[in-house]
Amino acid sequence: MTLALQATPYERKYRDDILSLMFYSRHTHTHLDWYKAGTWLDTERKSVMLAFNRDELVGVMGVANPLHGVSWIRLAIIARSYDPAMILSFLWQQTQSALRQQGANQVAVLVINPWLAEFLPALGFSYQENVVTMHRQPQAIPPAPTTQVTLRNGYLEDLHQIVAVDHAAFPAPWQMSAMDLRVSQRQAASCTVAVDDGNIIGYEIATRHNTAGHLARLAVHPAYQGKRVGQHLLHHLLTRFNNRGVKSMTVNTQDSNIRSQRLYQRYGFLRNGFDLAVWMQSI
């Protein structure tokens, strides 16, 4: 097949075509966190490039706008009967140019769909580490830690301080944008902040589906790490969810984040073998 590929930046008029392509494609990558695909396409903080073969949409690549120089590939779709390697390479060339103009110096991708890993080395990506999942079965909650830090519900007006804690606690590429944190707060079943002397020094955000919960985010400002703030937040969440009939919990963390894994293990979380690879490239 002789291809006549053309790159076209995303416009709202292509939204339904992209969603249709996603539905029928066998080669789809989505890492949208708190968003559904259609909602993410409607957000402002993203760049999406489309590949057309003449008048046919044959590929899509979407990336989040850079945060502290790092961007994530959030969406990749290849049409059926087309060579994924060729379409991905074409889209990636176009996407890199747009990212450089936005000030990105690194791009990351979380391999949720295994098919994608085969093509990443040819695009210049290299394996970085794994994101691991830990699972907690129903069991007794350890005693509450002793601390002078107080906890309260987190509100949208706390967003500025929550973002500051998040960006201090996590290095790139693991930080969340203010927009993503705002969306996560709105969708959360639990959002709790730790306060010391009137200042927010830590927070947790968790979701719930029937009797299962997921700790989506737990962060403590570096100046307060090692002072049981994380334990306080986790104990409070587990107690709250237990009282609501939540029987099991999951959490994701980086394979390299030994401190967080030890905290979760202390509260009965164990790795369940569901690991996802993170690949990165400097551009």
C-alpha atoms as a PDB file:
ATOM      1  CA  MET A   1       0.000   0.000   0.000  1.00  0.00           C
ATOM      2  CA  THR A   2       1.390   3.379  -1.013  1.00  0.00           C
ATOM      3  CA  LEU A   3       0.687   5.910   1.689  1.00  0.00           C
ATOM      4  CA  ALA A   4       0.263   9.645   1.347  1.00  0.00           C
ATOM      5  CA  LEU A   5       0.470  10.617   5.023  1.00  0.00           C
ATOM      6  CA  GLN A   6      -0.425  14.094   6.162  1.00  0.00           C
ATOM      7  CA  ALA A   7      -0.206  15.479   9.705  1.00  0.00           C
ATOM      8  CA  THR A   8      -3.076  17.605  10.966  1.00  0.00           C
ATOM      9  CA  PRO A   9      -3.344  19.271  14.397  1.00  0.00           C
ATOM     10  CA  TYR A  10      -6.443  18.390  16.362  1.00  0.00           C
ATOM     11  CA  GLU A  11      -9.612  20.419  15.940  1.00  0.00           C
ATOM     12  CA  ARG A  12     -12.948  19.901  17.666  1.00  0.00           C
ATOM     13  CA  LYS A  13     -14.512  18.739  14.390  1.00  0.00           C
ATOM     14  CA  TYR A  14     -12.337  15.570  14.511  1.00  0.00           C
ATOM     15  CA  ARG A  15     -13.490  14.527  17.984  1.00  0.00           C
ATOM     16  CA  ASP A  16     -16.097  11.954  16.908  1.00  0.00           C
ATOM     17  CA  ASP A  17     -13.770  10.498  14.269  1.00  0.00           C
ATOM     18  CA  ILE A  18     -11.100   9.935  16.924  1.00  0.00           C
ATOM     19  CA  LEU A  19     -13.540   8.258  19.290  1.00  0.00           C
ATOM     20  CA  SER A  20     -14.763   6.025  16.471  1.00  0.00           C
ATOM     21  CA  LEU A  21     -11.198   5.104  15.538  1.00  0.00           C
ATOM     22  CA  MET A  22     -10.505   4.268  19.180  1.00  0.00           C
ATOM     23  CA  PHE A  23     -13.540   1.990  19.342  1.00  0.00           C
ATOM     24  CA  TYR A  24     -12.540  -0.097  16.321  1.00  0.00           C
ATOM     25  CA  SER A  25      -8.751  -0.107  16.667  1.00  0.00           C
ATOM     26  CA  ARG A  26      -6.761  -2.992  18.117  1.00  0.00           C
ATOM     27  CA  HIS A  27      -3.796  -0.684  18.719  1.00  0.00           C
ATOM     28  CA  THR A  28      -4.971   1.849  21.276  1.00  0.00           C
ATOM     29  CA  HIS A  29      -3.058   3.382  24.156  1.00  0.00           C
ATOM     30  CA  THR A  30      -4.903   5.479  26.731  1.00  0.00           C
ATOM     31  CA  HIS A  31      -3.386   6.924  29.898  1.00  0.00           C
ATOM     32  CA  LEU A  32      -5.960   9.563  30.773  1.00  0.00           C
ATOM     33  CA  ASP A  33      -6.151   9.160  34.560  1.00  0.00           C
ATOM     34  CA  TRP A  34      -9.213  11.118  35.705  1.00  0.00           C
ATOM     35  CA  TYR A  35     -10.607  11.778  32.233  1.00  0.00           C
ATOM     36  CA  LYS A  36     -12.622   9.900  29.671  1.00  0.00           C
ATOM     37  CA  ALA A  37     -11.251  10.200  26.152  1.00  0.00           C
ATOM     38  CA  GLY A  38     -13.856  12.670  24.913  1.00  0.00           C
ATOM     39  CA  THR A  39     -13.438  14.859  27.986  1.00  0.00           C
ATOM     40  CA  TRP A  40      -9.646  14.840  27.681  1.00  0.00           C
ATOM     41  CA  LEU A  41      -9.879  15.908  24.047  1.00  0.00           C
ATOM     42  CA  ASP A  42     -11.934  18.880  25.223  1.00  0.00           C
ATOM     43  CA  THR A  43      -9.301  20.068  27.699  1.00  0.00           C
ATOM     44  CA  GLU A  44      -6.944  22.901  26.853  1.00  0.00           C
ATOM     45  CA  ARG A  45      -3.710  21.478  28.250  1.00  0.00           C
ATOM     46  CA  LYS A  46      -2.911  18.992  25.522  1.00  0.00           C
ATOM     47  CA  SER A  47      -1.502  18.645  22.015  1.00  0.00           C
ATOM     48  CA  VAL A  48      -2.982  16.100  19.623  1.00  0.00           C
ATOM     49  CA  MET A  49      -1.648  15.255  16.180  1.00  0.00           C
ATOM     50  CA  LEU A  50      -3.664  13.317  13.589  1.00  0.00           C
ATOM     51  CA  ALA A  51      -2.317  11.266  10.686  1.00  0.00           C
ATOM     52  CA  PHE A  52      -4.422  11.082   7.534  1.00  0.00           C
ATOM     53  CA  ASN A  53      -3.828   8.842   4.543  1.00  0.00           C
ATOM     54  CA  ARG A  54      -5.489  11.012   1.974  1.00  0.00           C
ATOM     55  CA  ASP A  55      -8.951  11.466   3.540  1.00  0.00           C
ATOM     56  CA  GLU A  56      -8.775   8.546   5.996  1.00  0.00           C
ATOM     57  CA  LEU A  57      -7.852   9.046   9.643  1.00  0.00           C
ATOM     58  CA  VAL A  58      -5.196   6.398  10.306  1.00  0.00           C
ATOM     59  CA  GLY A  59      -3.527   7.488  13.524  1.00  0.00           C
ATOM     60  CA  VAL A  60      -3.680   9.783  16.550  1.00  0.00           C
ATOM     61  CA  MET A  61      -1.091  10.797  19.138  1.00  0.00           C
ATOM     62  CA  GLY A  62      -1.993  13.004  22.093  1.00  0.00           C
ATOM     63  CA  VAL A  63       0.345  14.400  24.739  1.00  0.00           C
ATOM     64  CA  ALA A  64      -0.254  16.493  27.830  1.00  0.00           C
ATOM     65  CA  ASN A  65       1.316  19.924  27.863  1.00  0.00           C
ATOM     66  CA  PRO A  66       4.702  19.875  29.653  1.00  0.00           C
ATOM     67  CA  LEU A  67       4.843  20.273  33.418  1.00  0.00           C
ATOM     68  CA  HIS A  68       8.301  21.332  34.589  1.00  0.00           C
ATOM     69  CA  GLY A  69       9.679  20.261  31.224  1.00  0.00           C
ATOM     70  CA  VAL A  70       8.127  16.785  31.145  1.00  0.00           C
ATOM     71  CA  SER A  71       5.159  15.616  29.096  1.00  0.00           C
ATOM     72  CA  TRP A  72       3.268  12.298  29.031  1.00  0.00           C
ATOM     73  CA  ILE A  73       1.914  10.528  25.975  1.00  0.00           C
ATOM     74  CA  ARG A  74      -1.729  10.153  26.910  1.00  0.00           C
ATOM     75  CA  LEU A  75      -3.279   8.808  23.737  1.00  0.00           C
ATOM     76  CA  ALA A  76      -2.107   6.754  20.748  1.00  0.00           C
ATOM     77  CA  ILE A  77      -4.386   5.073  18.224  1.00  0.00           C
ATOM     78  CA  ILE A  78      -3.510   3.254  15.000  1.00  0.00           C
ATOM     79  CA  ALA A  79      -6.161   2.262  12.459  1.00  0.00           C
ATOM     80  CA  ARG A  80      -6.698  -1.379  11.628  1.00  0.00           C
ATOM     81  CA  SER A  81      -4.723  -2.744   8.648  1.00  0.00           C
ATOM     82  CA  TYR A  82      -2.053  -0.037   9.010  1.00  0.00           C
ATOM     83  CA  ASP A  83       1.520  -0.631  10.146  1.00  0.00           C
ATOM     84  CA  PRO A  84       1.790   0.650  13.754  1.00  0.00           C
ATOM     85  CA  ALA A  85       5.536   1.231  13.448  1.00  0.00           C
ATOM     86  CA  MET A  86       5.143   3.473  10.413  1.00  0.00           C
ATOM     87  CA  ILE A  87       2.218   5.502  11.748  1.00  0.00           C
ATOM     88  CA  LEU A  88       3.730   5.915  15.208  1.00  0.00           C
ATOM     89  CA  SER A  89       7.039   7.057  13.751  1.00  0.00           C
ATOM     90  CA  PHE A  90       5.282   9.604  11.558  1.00  0.00           C
ATOM     91  CA  LEU A  91       3.189  10.953  14.428  1.00  0.00           C
ATOM     92  CA  TRP A  92       6.103  11.032  16.850  1.00  0.00           C
ATOM     93  CA  GLN A  93       8.192  13.147  14.502  1.00  0.00           C
ATOM     94  CA  GLN A  94       5.400  15.698  14.306  1.00  0.00           C
ATOM     95  CA  THR A  95       4.700  15.570  18.049  1.00  0.00           C
ATOM     96  CA  GLN A  96       8.336  16.139  19.041  1.00  0.00           C
ATOM     97  CA  SER A  97       8.414  19.409  17.134  1.00  0.00           C
ATOM     98  CA  ALA A  98       5.316  20.678  18.926  1.00  0.00           C
ATOM     99  CA  LEU A  99       6.676  19.636  22.332  1.00  0.00           C
ATOM    100  CA  ARG A 100      10.005  21.377  21.821  1.00  0.00           C
ATOM    101  CA  GLN A 101       8.158  24.586  21.026  1.00  0.00           C
ATOM    102  CA  GLN A 102       6.324  24.222  24.340  1.00  0.00           C
ATOM    103  CA  GLY A 103       9.569  23.839  26.283  1.00  0.00           C
ATOM    104  CA  ALA A 104       9.474  20.072  26.877  1.00  0.00           C
ATOM    105  CA  ASN A 105      12.803  18.327  27.370  1.00  0.00           C
ATOM    106  CA  GLN A 106      11.541  14.862  28.327  1.00  0.00           C
ATOM    107  CA  VAL A 107       8.571  12.707  27.352  1.00  0.00           C
ATOM    108  CA  ALA A 108       7.267   9.721  29.322  1.00  0.00           C
ATOM    109  CA  VAL A 109       4.851   6.950  28.502  1.00  0.00           C
ATOM    110  CA  LEU A 110       3.220   4.407  30.822  1.00  0.00           C
ATOM    111  CA  VAL A 111       2.804   1.109  29.004  1.00  0.00           C
ATOM    112  CA  ILE A 112      -0.704   0.127  30.011  1.00  0.00           C
ATOM    113  CA  ASN A 113      -1.356  -1.662  26.717  1.00  0.00           C
ATOM    114  CA  PRO A 114       1.471  -4.177  26.039  1.00  0.00           C
ATOM    115  CA  TRP A 115       1.462  -3.774  22.251  1.00  0.00           C
ATOM    116  CA  LEU A 116       3.047  -0.336  22.553  1.00  0.00           C
ATOM    117  CA  ALA A 117       6.291  -1.521  24.175  1.00  0.00           C
ATOM    118  CA  GLU A 118       7.397  -3.275  20.977  1.00  0.00           C
ATOM    119  CA  PHE A 119       7.636   0.027  19.111  1.00  0.00           C
ATOM    120  CA  LEU A 120       9.091   2.359  21.752  1.00  0.00           C
ATOM    121  CA  PRO A 121      12.819   1.581  21.257  1.00  0.00           C
ATOM    122  CA  ALA A 122      12.577   2.508  17.576  1.00  0.00           C
ATOM    123  CA  LEU A 123      11.046   5.829  18.605  1.00  0.00           C
ATOM    124  CA  GLY A 124      14.012   6.555  20.872  1.00  0.00           C
ATOM    125  CA  PHE A 125      12.431   5.675  24.222  1.00  0.00           C
ATOM    126  CA  SER A 126      14.229   3.660  26.889  1.00  0.00           C
ATOM    127  CA  TYR A 127      12.863   1.757  29.867  1.00  0.00           C
ATOM    128  CA  GLN A 128      12.936   3.774  33.104  1.00  0.00           C
ATOM    129  CA  GLU A 129      11.225   1.769  35.868  1.00  0.00           C
ATOM    130  CA  ASN A 130       7.957   0.093  36.837  1.00  0.00           C
ATOM    131  CA  VAL A 131       4.853   1.443  38.486  1.00  0.00           C
ATOM    132  CA  VAL A 132       3.752  -1.267  40.917  1.00  0.00           C
ATOM    133  CA  THR A 133       0.317  -2.000  42.321  1.00  0.00           C
ATOM    134  CA  MET A 134      -0.195  -2.977  45.955  1.00  0.00           C
ATOM    135  CA  HIS A 135      -3.358  -4.549  47.333  1.00  0.00           C
ATOM    136  CA  ARG A 136      -4.750  -4.685  50.854  1.00  0.00           C
ATOM    137  CA  GLN A 137      -7.175  -7.421  51.908  1.00  0.00           C
ATOM    138  CA  PRO A 138      -9.664  -6.867  54.764  1.00  0.00           C
ATOM    139  CA  GLN A 139      -7.748  -6.894  58.060  1.00  0.00           C
ATOM    140  CA  ALA A 140      -7.289  -4.980  61.283  1.00  0.00           C
ATOM    141  CA  ILE A 141      -5.931  -1.456  60.972  1.00  0.00           C
ATOM    142  CA  PRO A 142      -2.759  -0.769  62.989  1.00  0.00           C
ATOM    143  CA  PRO A 143      -3.080   1.713  65.881  1.00  0.00           C
ATOM    144  CA  ALA A 144      -3.174   5.393  64.992  1.00  0.00           C
ATOM    145  CA  PRO A 145       0.243   7.095  65.050  1.00  0.00           C
ATOM    146  CA  THR A 146       1.012   9.769  67.613  1.00  0.00           C
ATOM    147  CA  THR A 147       1.300  13.179  65.941  1.00  0.00           C
ATOM    148  CA  GLN A 148       0.321  16.797  66.571  1.00  0.00           C
ATOM    149  CA  VAL A 149      -0.723  17.266  62.951  1.00  0.00           C
ATOM    150  CA  THR A 150      -4.454  17.766  62.420  1.00  0.00           C
ATOM    151  CA  LEU A 151      -6.530  16.413  59.548  1.00  0.00           C
ATOM    152  CA  ARG A 152      -9.557  17.880  57.820  1.00  0.00           C
ATOM    153  CA  ASN A 153     -11.394  17.522  54.528  1.00  0.00           C
ATOM    154  CA  GLY A 154      -9.697  19.130  51.549  1.00  0.00           C
ATOM    155  CA  TYR A 155     -11.614  21.732  49.553  1.00  0.00           C
ATOM    156  CA  LEU A 156     -11.199  23.319  46.136  1.00  0.00           C
ATOM    157  CA  GLU A 157      -9.968  26.503  47.786  1.00  0.00           C
ATOM    158  CA  ASP A 158      -7.043  24.448  49.150  1.00  0.00           C
ATOM    159  CA  LEU A 159      -5.864  23.664  45.624  1.00  0.00           C
ATOM    160  CA  HIS A 160      -2.969  26.119  45.580  1.00  0.00           C
ATOM    161  CA  GLN A 161      -1.418  24.636  48.743  1.00  0.00           C
ATOM    162  CA  ILE A 162      -2.105  21.061  47.621  1.00  0.00           C
ATOM    163  CA  VAL A 163      -0.298  21.719  44.343  1.00  0.00           C
ATOM    164  CA  ALA A 164       2.657  23.187  46.260  1.00  0.00           C
ATOM    165  CA  VAL A 165       2.898  20.054  48.438  1.00  0.00           C
ATOM    166  CA  ASP A 166       2.567  17.771  45.417  1.00  0.00           C
ATOM    167  CA  HIS A 167       5.335  19.486  43.468  1.00  0.00           C
ATOM    168  CA  ALA A 168       7.642  19.552  46.483  1.00  0.00           C
ATOM    169  CA  ALA A 169       7.017  15.891  47.347  1.00  0.00           C
ATOM    170  CA  PHE A 170       7.401  14.376  43.886  1.00  0.00           C
ATOM    171  CA  PRO A 171      10.069  14.866  41.217  1.00  0.00           C
ATOM    172  CA  ALA A 172       9.207  15.102  37.551  1.00  0.00           C
ATOM    173  CA  PRO A 173       7.556  13.268  35.842  1.00  0.00           C
ATOM    174  CA  TRP A 174       5.378  12.269  38.804  1.00  0.00           C
ATOM    175  CA  GLN A 175       3.947  15.688  39.644  1.00  0.00           C
ATOM    176  CA  MET A 176       0.318  16.499  38.855  1.00  0.00           C
ATOM    177  CA  SER A 177      -0.855  19.707  37.261  1.00  0.00           C
ATOM    178  CA  ALA A 178      -3.258  22.021  39.069  1.00  0.00           C
ATOM    179  CA  MET A 179      -5.953  21.109  36.536  1.00  0.00           C
ATOM    180  CA  ASP A 180      -5.531  17.366  37.120  1.00  0.00           C
ATOM    181  CA  LEU A 181      -5.529  17.813  40.899  1.00  0.00           C
ATOM    182  CA  ARG A 182      -8.699  19.881  40.686  1.00  0.00           C
ATOM    183  CA  VAL A 183     -10.419  17.193  38.613  1.00  0.00           C
ATOM    184  CA  SER A 184      -9.223  14.468  40.994  1.00  0.00           C
ATOM    185  CA  GLN A 185     -10.598  16.372  43.992  1.00  0.00           C
ATOM    186  CA  ARG A 186     -13.990  16.644  42.350  1.00  0.00           C
ATOM    187  CA  GLN A 187     -14.164  12.921  41.591  1.00  0.00           C
ATOM    188  CA  ALA A 188     -12.675  11.659  44.852  1.00  0.00           C
ATOM    189  CA  ALA A 189     -14.555   9.749  47.512  1.00  0.00           C
ATOM    190  CA  SER A 190     -12.045  11.095  50.031  1.00  0.00           C
ATOM    191  CA  CYS A 191      -9.770  14.124  50.003  1.00  0.00           C
ATOM    192  CA  THR A 192      -8.013  14.835  53.276  1.00  0.00           C
ATOM    193  CA  VAL A 193      -5.331  17.403  54.075  1.00  0.00           C
ATOM    194  CA  ALA A 194      -2.824  17.394  56.942  1.00  0.00           C
ATOM    195  CA  VAL A 195      -2.402  20.801  58.562  1.00  0.00           C
ATOM    196  CA  ASP A 196       0.336  22.155  60.803  1.00  0.00           C
ATOM    197  CA  ASP A 197       0.283  25.736  62.088  1.00  0.00           C
ATOM    198  CA  GLY A 198      -2.401  26.600  59.551  1.00  0.00           C
ATOM    199  CA  ASN A 199      -0.436  25.305  56.559  1.00  0.00           C
ATOM    200  CA  ILE A 200      -1.230  22.244  54.463  1.00  0.00           C
ATOM    201  CA  ILE A 201       1.733  19.872  54.660  1.00  0.00           C
ATOM    202  CA  GLY A 202       0.241  16.690  53.183  1.00  0.00           C
ATOM    203  CA  TYR A 203      -2.830  15.289  51.492  1.00  0.00           C
ATOM    204  CA  GLU A 204      -4.514  12.151  50.236  1.00  0.00           C
ATOM    205  CA  ILE A 205      -7.007  11.596  47.431  1.00  0.00           C
ATOM    206  CA  ALA A 206      -8.855   8.291  47.118  1.00  0.00           C
ATOM    207  CA  THR A 207     -11.654   6.825  45.039  1.00  0.00           C
ATOM    208  CA  ARG A 208     -14.231   4.187  45.814  1.00  0.00           C
ATOM    209  CA  HIS A 209     -16.235   1.707  43.776  1.00  0.00           C
ATOM    210  CA  ASN A 210     -18.735  -0.242  45.862  1.00  0.00           C
ATOM    211  CA  THR A 211     -16.643  -2.169  48.416  1.00  0.00           C
ATOM    212  CA  ALA A 212     -13.268  -1.482  46.790  1.00  0.00           C
ATOM    213  CA  GLY A 213     -11.161   1.632  47.293  1.00  0.00           C
ATOM    214  CA  HIS A 214      -8.111   3.041  45.575  1.00  0.00           C
ATOM    215  CA  LEU A 215      -5.602   5.439  47.110  1.00  0.00           C
ATOM    216  CA  ALA A 216      -4.870   7.613  44.104  1.00  0.00           C
ATOM    217  CA  ARG A 217      -2.474  10.077  45.737  1.00  0.00           C
ATOM    218  CA  LEU A 218      -0.622  10.458  49.020  1.00  0.00           C
ATOM    219  CA  ALA A 219       1.932  13.240  49.402  1.00  0.00           C
ATOM    220  CA  VAL A 220       3.766  14.829  52.312  1.00  0.00           C
ATOM    221  CA  HIS A 221       5.965  17.901  52.060  1.00  0.00           C
ATOM    222  CA  PRO A 222       9.645  16.877  52.328  1.00  0.00           C
ATOM    223  CA  ALA A 223      10.120  19.033  55.442  1.00  0.00           C
ATOM    224  CA  TYR A 224       7.589  16.823  57.255  1.00  0.00           C
ATOM    225  CA  GLN A 225       8.485  13.418  55.866  1.00  0.00           C
ATOM    226  CA  GLY A 226       9.534  10.920  58.513  1.00  0.00           C
ATOM    227  CA  LYS A 227       7.215  12.540  61.080  1.00  0.00           C
ATOM    228  CA  ARG A 228       4.293  10.111  60.685  1.00  0.00           C
ATOM    229  CA  VAL A 229       2.197  12.486  58.605  1.00  0.00           C
ATOM    230  CA  GLY A 230       1.781   9.880  55.869  1.00  0.00           C
ATOM    231  CA  GLN A 231       0.835   7.265  58.473  1.00  0.00           C
ATOM    232  CA  HIS A 232      -1.740   9.656  59.927  1.00  0.00           C
ATOM    233  CA  LEU A 233      -3.326  10.277  56.528  1.00  0.00           C
ATOM    234  CA  LEU A 234      -3.325   6.586  55.602  1.00  0.00           C
ATOM    235  CA  HIS A 235      -4.741   5.464  58.956  1.00  0.00           C
ATOM    236  CA  HIS A 236      -7.505   8.057  58.698  1.00  0.00           C
ATOM    237  CA  LEU A 237      -8.393   6.958  55.146  1.00  0.00           C
ATOM    238  CA  LEU A 238      -8.475   3.248  55.983  1.00  0.00           C
ATOM    239  CA  THR A 239     -10.642   3.914  59.043  1.00  0.00           C
ATOM    240  CA  ARG A 240     -13.027   6.134  57.079  1.00  0.00           C
ATOM    241  CA  PHE A 241     -13.369   3.639  54.247  1.00  0.00           C
ATOM    242  CA  ASN A 242     -13.731   0.713  56.650  1.00  0.00           C
ATOM    243  CA  ASN A 243     -16.652   2.505  58.285  1.00  0.00           C
ATOM    244  CA  ARG A 244     -18.222   2.892  54.829  1.00  0.00           C
ATOM    245  CA  GLY A 245     -17.996  -0.817  54.070  1.00  0.00           C
ATOM    246  CA  VAL A 246     -14.899  -0.705  51.856  1.00  0.00           C
ATOM    247  CA  LYS A 247     -13.304  -4.137  52.140  1.00  0.00           C
ATOM    248  CA  SER A 248     -10.171  -3.862  50.012  1.00  0.00           C
ATOM    249  CA  MET A 249      -7.790  -1.140  48.861  1.00  0.00           C
ATOM    250  CA  THR A 250      -5.226  -0.708  46.111  1.00  0.00           C
ATOM    251  CA  VAL A 251      -2.470   1.825  45.566  1.00  0.00           C
ATOM    252  CA  ASN A 252       0.147   2.445  42.880  1.00  0.00           C
ATOM    253  CA  THR A 253       3.670   3.659  43.496  1.00  0.00           C
ATOM    254  CA  GLN A 254       7.014   3.662  41.750  1.00  0.00           C
ATOM    255  CA  ASP A 255       9.286   0.656  42.069  1.00  0.00           C
ATOM    256  CA  SER A 256      12.039   3.065  43.157  1.00  0.00           C
ATOM    257  CA  ASN A 257       9.935   4.664  45.898  1.00  0.00           C
ATOM    258  CA  ILE A 258      10.998   2.369  48.719  1.00  0.00           C
ATOM    259  CA  ARG A 259       9.790   4.773  51.435  1.00  0.00           C
ATOM    260  CA  SER A 260       6.188   4.665  50.220  1.00  0.00           C
ATOM    261  CA  GLN A 261       6.250   0.885  49.762  1.00  0.00           C
ATOM    262  CA  ARG A 262       7.403   0.427  53.363  1.00  0.00           C
ATOM    263  CA  LEU A 263       4.570   2.644  54.585  1.00  0.00           C
ATOM    264  CA  TYR A 264       1.976   0.668  52.657  1.00  0.00           C
ATOM    265  CA  GLN A 265       3.447  -2.652  53.759  1.00  0.00           C
ATOM    266  CA  ARG A 266       3.150  -1.512  57.369  1.00  0.00           C
ATOM    267  CA  TYR A 267      -0.581  -1.195  56.795  1.00  0.00           C
ATOM    268  CA  GLY A 268      -1.012  -4.556  55.095  1.00  0.00           C
ATOM    269  CA  PHE A 269      -0.544  -3.694  51.432  1.00  0.00           C
ATOM    270  CA  LEU A 270       1.293  -6.291  49.328  1.00  0.00           C
ATOM    271  CA  ARG A 271       2.457  -6.159  45.749  1.00  0.00           C
ATOM    272  CA  ASN A 272       0.076  -8.086  43.508  1.00  0.00           C
ATOM    273  CA  GLY A 273       2.366  -8.461  40.495  1.00  0.00           C
ATOM    274  CA  PHE A 274       0.507  -5.973  38.320  1.00  0.00           C
ATOM    275  CA  ASP A 275       3.434  -3.821  37.197  1.00  0.00           C
ATOM    276  CA  LEU A 276       3.433  -1.253  34.388  1.00  0.00           C
ATOM    277  CA  ALA A 277       6.608  -0.108  32.674  1.00  0.00           C
ATOM    278  CA  VAL A 278       7.519   3.561  32.303  1.00  0.00           C
ATOM    279  CA  TRP A 279       9.600   4.532  29.270  1.00  0.00           C
ATOM    280  CA  MET A 280      11.177   7.953  28.736  1.00  0.00           C
ATOM    281  CA  GLN A 281      13.013   9.952  26.117  1.00  0.00           C
ATOM    282  CA  SER A 282      14.923  13.225  26.216  1.00  0.00           C
ATOM    283  CA  ILE A 283      14.077  15.484  23.295  1.00  0.00           C
END
